[in-house]
């Protein structure tokens, strides 16, 4: 079974452009036989926009419905990071949609980074797993899988998840992006621990582009997305702010 890692170029606060790009890449993934697609964190608005609430959507809402229509059209399980407005409160959220286009639920990022994004997003307060045609899936977001927060992936494994899918937005300062300096153990270490201890897949899919506002304004989202299989031999995607690509892993 093929999973598409959609390492998308995300334009800050250009929701329609980002959605059209995502739709095109989902269609390409379907064309090469993928049954699941994972999109980056906050791919609609861009991660960390100080005024993200202004551009956010309810979940479920119009953007969720748009993704549901794509899932149904292509028979594809979709996990995608969106910017959520819930009664005037903003959340960094991932939606989970099954192969029939049915909205299954959402995950709100729990480990919202203090002093970096907590002034934009509220904290999530729950974890879950979801039934897919290929097994039980746990969904979390980016820093939910940092080494000291690894307990979230472990909890999802205890709930029966055989795969963790994680929308991400991995950003570095401009000088690191220019030097093409990868994250290394920041993500490989916790991903390997989860994969080894539970015999599970851990897949993190980052955006590419630039951070257009907030504490990290000017930083670059560099892709470098990772799929860690149970044998701990990772598949790592291209690095760079322009490295939009589709990665495919077979499980």
C-alpha atoms as a PDB file:
ATOM      1  CA  UNK A   1       0.000   0.000   0.000  1.00  0.00           C
ATOM      2  CA  UNK A   2       1.467   3.325  -1.097  1.00  0.00           C
ATOM      3  CA  UNK A   3       1.453   6.438   1.083  1.00  0.00           C
ATOM      4  CA  UNK A   4       2.136   9.810  -0.564  1.00  0.00           C
ATOM      5  CA  UNK A   5       4.168  12.353   1.399  1.00  0.00           C
ATOM      6  CA  UNK A   6       3.114  15.672  -0.120  1.00  0.00           C
ATOM      7  CA  UNK A   7       5.973  18.048   0.654  1.00  0.00           C
ATOM      8  CA  UNK A   8       4.103  21.177  -0.470  1.00  0.00           C
ATOM      9  CA  UNK A   9       5.268  24.709  -1.146  1.00  0.00           C
ATOM     10  CA  UNK A  10       3.132  26.824   1.184  1.00  0.00           C
ATOM     11  CA  UNK A  11       2.620  30.521   0.460  1.00  0.00           C
ATOM     12  CA  UNK A  12       1.934  32.544   3.602  1.00  0.00           C
ATOM     13  CA  UNK A  13      -1.751  33.493   3.895  1.00  0.00           C
ATOM     14  CA  UNK A  14      -2.563  32.565   0.276  1.00  0.00           C
ATOM     15  CA  UNK A  15      -5.248  30.026   1.060  1.00  0.00           C
ATOM     16  CA  UNK A  16      -6.694  29.497  -2.424  1.00  0.00           C
ATOM     17  CA  UNK A  17      -3.261  29.168  -4.070  1.00  0.00           C
ATOM     18  CA  UNK A  18      -2.213  26.648  -1.429  1.00  0.00           C
ATOM     19  CA  UNK A  19      -5.386  24.623  -1.899  1.00  0.00           C
ATOM     20  CA  UNK A  20      -5.048  24.519  -5.674  1.00  0.00           C
ATOM     21  CA  UNK A  21      -1.466  23.340  -5.279  1.00  0.00           C
ATOM     22  CA  UNK A  22      -2.556  20.639  -2.825  1.00  0.00           C
ATOM     23  CA  UNK A  23      -5.352  19.493  -5.144  1.00  0.00           C
ATOM     24  CA  UNK A  24      -2.901  19.123  -8.028  1.00  0.00           C
ATOM     25  CA  UNK A  25      -0.449  17.113  -5.916  1.00  0.00           C
ATOM     26  CA  UNK A  26      -3.185  14.859  -4.524  1.00  0.00           C
ATOM     27  CA  UNK A  27      -4.291  14.121  -8.095  1.00  0.00           C
ATOM     28  CA  UNK A  28      -0.691  13.231  -9.032  1.00  0.00           C
ATOM     29  CA  UNK A  29      -0.405  10.945  -6.008  1.00  0.00           C
ATOM     30  CA  UNK A  30      -3.629   9.186  -6.957  1.00  0.00           C
ATOM     31  CA  UNK A  31      -2.288   8.764 -10.485  1.00  0.00           C
ATOM     32  CA  UNK A  32       0.669   6.747  -9.211  1.00  0.00           C
ATOM     33  CA  UNK A  33      -1.491   4.468  -7.096  1.00  0.00           C
ATOM     34  CA  UNK A  34      -1.273   6.033  -3.640  1.00  0.00           C
ATOM     35  CA  UNK A  35      -4.126   5.193  -1.241  1.00  0.00           C
ATOM     36  CA  UNK A  36      -3.142   7.676   1.448  1.00  0.00           C
ATOM     37  CA  UNK A  37      -1.812  11.251   1.365  1.00  0.00           C
ATOM     38  CA  UNK A  38      -0.232  13.254   4.169  1.00  0.00           C
ATOM     39  CA  UNK A  39      -0.064  17.046   3.827  1.00  0.00           C
ATOM     40  CA  UNK A  40       1.965  19.518   5.918  1.00  0.00           C
ATOM     41  CA  UNK A  41       1.060  21.455   9.048  1.00  0.00           C
ATOM     42  CA  UNK A  42      -1.200  24.489   8.476  1.00  0.00           C
ATOM     43  CA  UNK A  43      -0.827  24.102   4.715  1.00  0.00           C
ATOM     44  CA  UNK A  44      -3.766  26.434   4.105  1.00  0.00           C
ATOM     45  CA  UNK A  45      -2.454  29.583   5.833  1.00  0.00           C
ATOM     46  CA  UNK A  46       1.151  28.755   6.675  1.00  0.00           C
ATOM     47  CA  UNK A  47       2.567  27.879  10.080  1.00  0.00           C
ATOM     48  CA  UNK A  48       2.839  30.574  12.738  1.00  0.00           C
ATOM     49  CA  UNK A  49       1.117  33.520  11.074  1.00  0.00           C
ATOM     50  CA  UNK A  50       0.454  36.008  13.901  1.00  0.00           C
ATOM     51  CA  UNK A  51      -2.958  36.852  12.423  1.00  0.00           C
ATOM     52  CA  UNK A  52      -3.785  33.236  11.524  1.00  0.00           C
ATOM     53  CA  UNK A  53      -7.238  33.502  13.108  1.00  0.00           C
ATOM     54  CA  UNK A  54      -8.241  36.013  10.415  1.00  0.00           C
ATOM     55  CA  UNK A  55      -7.642  33.333   7.760  1.00  0.00           C
ATOM     56  CA  UNK A  56      -8.805  30.282   9.708  1.00  0.00           C
ATOM     57  CA  UNK A  57     -11.832  28.091   8.993  1.00  0.00           C
ATOM     58  CA  UNK A  58     -14.126  26.051  11.195  1.00  0.00           C
ATOM     59  CA  UNK A  59     -13.502  22.283  11.307  1.00  0.00           C
ATOM     60  CA  UNK A  60     -15.427  20.670   9.833  1.00  0.00           C
ATOM     61  CA  UNK A  61     -16.093  23.489   7.408  1.00  0.00           C
ATOM     62  CA  UNK A  62     -15.603  24.497   3.791  1.00  0.00           C
ATOM     63  CA  UNK A  63     -11.937  23.477   3.637  1.00  0.00           C
ATOM     64  CA  UNK A  64     -12.632  20.133   5.289  1.00  0.00           C
ATOM     65  CA  UNK A  65     -15.432  19.511   2.792  1.00  0.00           C
ATOM     66  CA  UNK A  66     -13.080  20.329  -0.059  1.00  0.00           C
ATOM     67  CA  UNK A  67     -10.628  17.701   1.186  1.00  0.00           C
ATOM     68  CA  UNK A  68     -13.457  15.211   1.731  1.00  0.00           C
ATOM     69  CA  UNK A  69     -14.461  15.620  -1.926  1.00  0.00           C
ATOM     70  CA  UNK A  70     -10.886  14.856  -3.013  1.00  0.00           C
ATOM     71  CA  UNK A  71     -10.680  11.805  -0.741  1.00  0.00           C
ATOM     72  CA  UNK A  72     -13.926  10.462  -2.195  1.00  0.00           C
ATOM     73  CA  UNK A  73     -12.919  11.225  -5.788  1.00  0.00           C
ATOM     74  CA  UNK A  74      -9.617   9.375  -5.513  1.00  0.00           C
ATOM     75  CA  UNK A  75     -10.492   6.744  -2.891  1.00  0.00           C
ATOM     76  CA  UNK A  76      -7.728   8.128  -0.701  1.00  0.00           C
ATOM     77  CA  UNK A  77      -7.257   8.414   3.065  1.00  0.00           C
ATOM     78  CA  UNK A  78      -6.123  12.015   3.738  1.00  0.00           C
ATOM     79  CA  UNK A  79      -4.434  13.634   6.732  1.00  0.00           C
ATOM     80  CA  UNK A  80      -3.907  17.379   6.332  1.00  0.00           C
ATOM     81  CA  UNK A  81      -2.885  20.276   8.560  1.00  0.00           C
ATOM     82  CA  UNK A  82      -5.372  23.167   8.646  1.00  0.00           C
ATOM     83  CA  UNK A  83      -5.786  26.387  10.617  1.00  0.00           C
ATOM     84  CA  UNK A  84      -8.912  26.129  12.759  1.00  0.00           C
ATOM     85  CA  UNK A  85     -11.240  28.823  14.077  1.00  0.00           C
ATOM     86  CA  UNK A  86     -13.343  27.526  16.942  1.00  0.00           C
ATOM     87  CA  UNK A  87     -15.515  30.324  18.373  1.00  0.00           C
ATOM     88  CA  UNK A  88     -12.775  32.892  17.923  1.00  0.00           C
ATOM     89  CA  UNK A  89      -9.934  30.683  19.180  1.00  0.00           C
ATOM     90  CA  UNK A  90      -7.226  29.533  16.754  1.00  0.00           C
ATOM     91  CA  UNK A  91      -5.835  25.983  16.677  1.00  0.00           C
ATOM     92  CA  UNK A  92      -3.138  24.211  14.692  1.00  0.00           C
ATOM     93  CA  UNK A  93      -5.198  21.201  13.627  1.00  0.00           C
ATOM     94  CA  UNK A  94      -4.993  18.102  11.445  1.00  0.00           C
ATOM     95  CA  UNK A  95      -8.104  16.623   9.849  1.00  0.00           C
ATOM     96  CA  UNK A  96      -8.538  12.909   9.211  1.00  0.00           C
ATOM     97  CA  UNK A  97     -10.665  11.823   6.232  1.00  0.00           C
ATOM     98  CA  UNK A  98     -11.267   8.243   5.113  1.00  0.00           C
ATOM     99  CA  UNK A  99     -11.178   6.688   1.662  1.00  0.00           C
ATOM    100  CA  UNK A 100     -14.901   7.296   1.194  1.00  0.00           C
ATOM    101  CA  UNK A 101     -14.581  11.013   1.828  1.00  0.00           C
ATOM    102  CA  UNK A 102     -15.969  10.789   5.361  1.00  0.00           C
ATOM    103  CA  UNK A 103     -14.574  13.175   7.957  1.00  0.00           C
ATOM    104  CA  UNK A 104     -13.406  11.013  10.869  1.00  0.00           C
ATOM    105  CA  UNK A 105     -12.118  13.654  13.249  1.00  0.00           C
ATOM    106  CA  UNK A 106      -9.333  16.063  14.047  1.00  0.00           C
ATOM    107  CA  UNK A 107      -6.207  16.404  16.144  1.00  0.00           C
ATOM    108  CA  UNK A 108      -5.235  19.731  17.671  1.00  0.00           C
ATOM    109  CA  UNK A 109      -1.517  20.177  18.244  1.00  0.00           C
ATOM    110  CA  UNK A 110      -0.743  19.617  21.909  1.00  0.00           C
ATOM    111  CA  UNK A 111       2.919  20.617  22.175  1.00  0.00           C
ATOM    112  CA  UNK A 112       2.421  24.208  21.016  1.00  0.00           C
ATOM    113  CA  UNK A 113       5.901  25.735  21.257  1.00  0.00           C
ATOM    114  CA  UNK A 114       6.162  28.271  24.057  1.00  0.00           C
ATOM    115  CA  UNK A 115       7.279  31.739  23.030  1.00  0.00           C
ATOM    116  CA  UNK A 116       7.119  30.768  19.368  1.00  0.00           C
ATOM    117  CA  UNK A 117       3.570  29.733  18.470  1.00  0.00           C
ATOM    118  CA  UNK A 118       1.592  29.728  21.718  1.00  0.00           C
ATOM    119  CA  UNK A 119       0.560  33.341  21.127  1.00  0.00           C
ATOM    120  CA  UNK A 120      -1.184  32.168  17.946  1.00  0.00           C
ATOM    121  CA  UNK A 121      -2.620  28.725  18.697  1.00  0.00           C
ATOM    122  CA  UNK A 122      -4.414  27.132  21.615  1.00  0.00           C
ATOM    123  CA  UNK A 123      -3.342  23.714  22.930  1.00  0.00           C
ATOM    124  CA  UNK A 124      -5.077  20.486  22.040  1.00  0.00           C
ATOM    125  CA  UNK A 125      -6.200  18.278  24.884  1.00  0.00           C
ATOM    126  CA  UNK A 126      -6.700  14.778  23.464  1.00  0.00           C
ATOM    127  CA  UNK A 127      -5.231  11.993  21.329  1.00  0.00           C
ATOM    128  CA  UNK A 128      -6.936   9.390  19.193  1.00  0.00           C
ATOM    129  CA  UNK A 129      -6.485   6.663  16.608  1.00  0.00           C
ATOM    130  CA  UNK A 130      -8.510   6.115  13.453  1.00  0.00           C
ATOM    131  CA  UNK A 131      -9.480   3.104  11.369  1.00  0.00           C
ATOM    132  CA  UNK A 132      -8.175   3.134   7.822  1.00  0.00           C
ATOM    133  CA  UNK A 133      -8.487   0.443   5.186  1.00  0.00           C
ATOM    134  CA  UNK A 134      -4.834  -0.401   5.829  1.00  0.00           C
ATOM    135  CA  UNK A 135      -4.828  -0.416   9.650  1.00  0.00           C
ATOM    136  CA  UNK A 136      -5.111   1.830  12.687  1.00  0.00           C
ATOM    137  CA  UNK A 137      -3.616   5.294  12.279  1.00  0.00           C
ATOM    138  CA  UNK A 138      -2.477   7.728  14.948  1.00  0.00           C
ATOM    139  CA  UNK A 139      -2.325  11.407  13.982  1.00  0.00           C
ATOM    140  CA  UNK A 140      -0.307  14.096  15.724  1.00  0.00           C
ATOM    141  CA  UNK A 141       1.446  17.279  14.619  1.00  0.00           C
ATOM    142  CA  UNK A 142       5.140  18.176  14.336  1.00  0.00           C
ATOM    143  CA  UNK A 143       6.482  19.012  17.826  1.00  0.00           C
ATOM    144  CA  UNK A 144       4.079  16.489  19.345  1.00  0.00           C
ATOM    145  CA  UNK A 145       6.850  14.039  18.375  1.00  0.00           C
ATOM    146  CA  UNK A 146       9.864  15.904  19.743  1.00  0.00           C
ATOM    147  CA  UNK A 147      12.001  13.576  21.867  1.00  0.00           C
ATOM    148  CA  UNK A 148      10.701  14.746  25.224  1.00  0.00           C
ATOM    149  CA  UNK A 149       7.117  14.667  23.932  1.00  0.00           C
ATOM    150  CA  UNK A 150       7.471  11.171  22.498  1.00  0.00           C
ATOM    151  CA  UNK A 151       4.896   9.941  25.012  1.00  0.00           C
ATOM    152  CA  UNK A 152       2.165  11.030  22.583  1.00  0.00           C
ATOM    153  CA  UNK A 153       3.279   8.573  19.922  1.00  0.00           C
ATOM    154  CA  UNK A 154       3.694   5.919  22.602  1.00  0.00           C
ATOM    155  CA  UNK A 155       0.155   6.514  23.821  1.00  0.00           C
ATOM    156  CA  UNK A 156      -1.152   6.147  20.274  1.00  0.00           C
ATOM    157  CA  UNK A 157       0.787   2.896  19.897  1.00  0.00           C
ATOM    158  CA  UNK A 158      -0.873   1.673  23.085  1.00  0.00           C
ATOM    159  CA  UNK A 159      -4.226   2.524  21.487  1.00  0.00           C
ATOM    160  CA  UNK A 160      -3.373   0.182  18.627  1.00  0.00           C
ATOM    161  CA  UNK A 161      -1.858   2.511  16.028  1.00  0.00           C
ATOM    162  CA  UNK A 162       0.484   0.809  13.565  1.00  0.00           C
ATOM    163  CA  UNK A 163       1.229   4.053  11.718  1.00  0.00           C
ATOM    164  CA  UNK A 164       1.678   7.603  13.016  1.00  0.00           C
ATOM    165  CA  UNK A 165       1.059  10.324  10.433  1.00  0.00           C
ATOM    166  CA  UNK A 166       2.310  13.769  11.383  1.00  0.00           C
ATOM    167  CA  UNK A 167       1.848  17.013   9.419  1.00  0.00           C
ATOM    168  CA  UNK A 168       4.885  19.254  10.058  1.00  0.00           C
ATOM    169  CA  UNK A 169       6.486  22.592   9.196  1.00  0.00           C
ATOM    170  CA  UNK A 170      10.227  22.179   9.815  1.00  0.00           C
ATOM    171  CA  UNK A 171      11.851  25.610   9.772  1.00  0.00           C
ATOM    172  CA  UNK A 172      15.477  26.723  10.125  1.00  0.00           C
ATOM    173  CA  UNK A 173      17.253  30.110  10.107  1.00  0.00           C
ATOM    174  CA  UNK A 174      18.246  31.386   6.646  1.00  0.00           C
ATOM    175  CA  UNK A 175      21.940  30.612   7.169  1.00  0.00           C
ATOM    176  CA  UNK A 176      21.168  26.962   7.957  1.00  0.00           C
ATOM    177  CA  UNK A 177      18.900  26.712   4.940  1.00  0.00           C
ATOM    178  CA  UNK A 178      21.669  28.130   2.725  1.00  0.00           C
ATOM    179  CA  UNK A 179      24.105  25.581   4.154  1.00  0.00           C
ATOM    180  CA  UNK A 180      21.535  22.818   3.604  1.00  0.00           C
ATOM    181  CA  UNK A 181      21.982  21.714   7.197  1.00  0.00           C
ATOM    182  CA  UNK A 182      19.505  18.892   7.942  1.00  0.00           C
ATOM    183  CA  UNK A 183      17.740  18.388  11.246  1.00  0.00           C
ATOM    184  CA  UNK A 184      19.472  15.125  12.021  1.00  0.00           C
ATOM    185  CA  UNK A 185      18.564  13.663  15.397  1.00  0.00           C
ATOM    186  CA  UNK A 186      15.919  16.280  16.172  1.00  0.00           C
ATOM    187  CA  UNK A 187      13.428  14.034  14.371  1.00  0.00           C
ATOM    188  CA  UNK A 188      15.340  10.849  13.593  1.00  0.00           C
ATOM    189  CA  UNK A 189      15.898  10.030  17.269  1.00  0.00           C
ATOM    190  CA  UNK A 190      12.250  10.067  18.434  1.00  0.00           C
ATOM    191  CA  UNK A 191      10.984   8.552  15.179  1.00  0.00           C
ATOM    192  CA  UNK A 192      13.460   5.674  15.523  1.00  0.00           C
ATOM    193  CA  UNK A 193      12.508   5.109  19.147  1.00  0.00           C
ATOM    194  CA  UNK A 194       8.831   4.783  18.272  1.00  0.00           C
ATOM    195  CA  UNK A 195       9.463   2.623  15.214  1.00  0.00           C
ATOM    196  CA  UNK A 196      11.825   0.285  17.048  1.00  0.00           C
ATOM    197  CA  UNK A 197       9.831  -0.067  20.266  1.00  0.00           C
ATOM    198  CA  UNK A 198       6.441  -0.632  18.632  1.00  0.00           C
ATOM    199  CA  UNK A 199       7.209  -1.977  15.158  1.00  0.00           C
ATOM    200  CA  UNK A 200       5.324   0.956  13.691  1.00  0.00           C
ATOM    201  CA  UNK A 201       5.746   3.453  10.865  1.00  0.00           C
ATOM    202  CA  UNK A 202       6.240   7.125  11.765  1.00  0.00           C
ATOM    203  CA  UNK A 203       5.817   9.566   8.889  1.00  0.00           C
ATOM    204  CA  UNK A 204       6.406  13.313   9.217  1.00  0.00           C
ATOM    205  CA  UNK A 205       5.667  15.527   6.216  1.00  0.00           C
ATOM    206  CA  UNK A 206       6.962  19.106   6.203  1.00  0.00           C
ATOM    207  CA  UNK A 207       6.135  22.094   4.038  1.00  0.00           C
ATOM    208  CA  UNK A 208       8.676  24.098   2.087  1.00  0.00           C
ATOM    209  CA  UNK A 209       8.765  27.863   1.651  1.00  0.00           C
ATOM    210  CA  UNK A 210       9.314  30.721   4.072  1.00  0.00           C
ATOM    211  CA  UNK A 211       7.883  31.802   7.401  1.00  0.00           C
ATOM    212  CA  UNK A 212       6.248  35.118   6.585  1.00  0.00           C
ATOM    213  CA  UNK A 213       5.604  36.453  10.073  1.00  0.00           C
ATOM    214  CA  UNK A 214       5.858  35.847  13.781  1.00  0.00           C
ATOM    215  CA  UNK A 215       8.870  35.117  15.965  1.00  0.00           C
ATOM    216  CA  UNK A 216      10.551  33.089  13.218  1.00  0.00           C
ATOM    217  CA  UNK A 217       9.831  35.501  10.360  1.00  0.00           C
ATOM    218  CA  UNK A 218      12.376  34.994   7.600  1.00  0.00           C
ATOM    219  CA  UNK A 219      13.125  31.401   8.564  1.00  0.00           C
ATOM    220  CA  UNK A 220      12.852  28.765   5.844  1.00  0.00           C
ATOM    221  CA  UNK A 221      10.667  25.683   5.832  1.00  0.00           C
ATOM    222  CA  UNK A 222      12.978  23.098   4.333  1.00  0.00           C
ATOM    223  CA  UNK A 223      11.037  19.883   3.758  1.00  0.00           C
ATOM    224  CA  UNK A 224      13.448  17.046   4.556  1.00  0.00           C
ATOM    225  CA  UNK A 225      10.344  14.966   5.373  1.00  0.00           C
ATOM    226  CA  UNK A 226      10.951  11.578   7.004  1.00  0.00           C
ATOM    227  CA  UNK A 227       9.294   8.168   6.839  1.00  0.00           C
ATOM    228  CA  UNK A 228      10.670   5.835   9.515  1.00  0.00           C
ATOM    229  CA  UNK A 229       9.805   2.149   9.043  1.00  0.00           C
ATOM    230  CA  UNK A 230       9.963  -0.535  11.736  1.00  0.00           C
ATOM    231  CA  UNK A 231      13.447  -1.568  10.555  1.00  0.00           C
ATOM    232  CA  UNK A 232      14.617   2.014  11.290  1.00  0.00           C
ATOM    233  CA  UNK A 233      16.067   2.626   7.827  1.00  0.00           C
ATOM    234  CA  UNK A 234      14.486   5.991   7.026  1.00  0.00           C
ATOM    235  CA  UNK A 235      13.341   7.418   3.736  1.00  0.00           C
ATOM    236  CA  UNK A 236      14.258  11.134   3.745  1.00  0.00           C
ATOM    237  CA  UNK A 237      12.976  13.597   1.172  1.00  0.00           C
ATOM    238  CA  UNK A 238      14.661  16.536  -0.539  1.00  0.00           C
ATOM    239  CA  UNK A 239      15.891  19.527   1.461  1.00  0.00           C
ATOM    240  CA  UNK A 240      15.288  23.187   0.657  1.00  0.00           C
ATOM    241  CA  UNK A 241      12.747  25.997   0.611  1.00  0.00           C
ATOM    242  CA  UNK A 242      11.869  25.187  -3.021  1.00  0.00           C
ATOM    243  CA  UNK A 243      11.923  21.400  -2.679  1.00  0.00           C
ATOM    244  CA  UNK A 244       8.260  20.672  -3.370  1.00  0.00           C
ATOM    245  CA  UNK A 245       7.980  16.972  -4.130  1.00  0.00           C
ATOM    246  CA  UNK A 246       5.918  13.838  -3.696  1.00  0.00           C
ATOM    247  CA  UNK A 247       7.586  11.091  -1.705  1.00  0.00           C
ATOM    248  CA  UNK A 248       6.118   7.596  -1.851  1.00  0.00           C
ATOM    249  CA  UNK A 249       6.587   4.868   0.734  1.00  0.00           C
ATOM    250  CA  UNK A 250       5.101   1.396   0.497  1.00  0.00           C
ATOM    251  CA  UNK A 251       3.972  -0.329   3.661  1.00  0.00           C
END
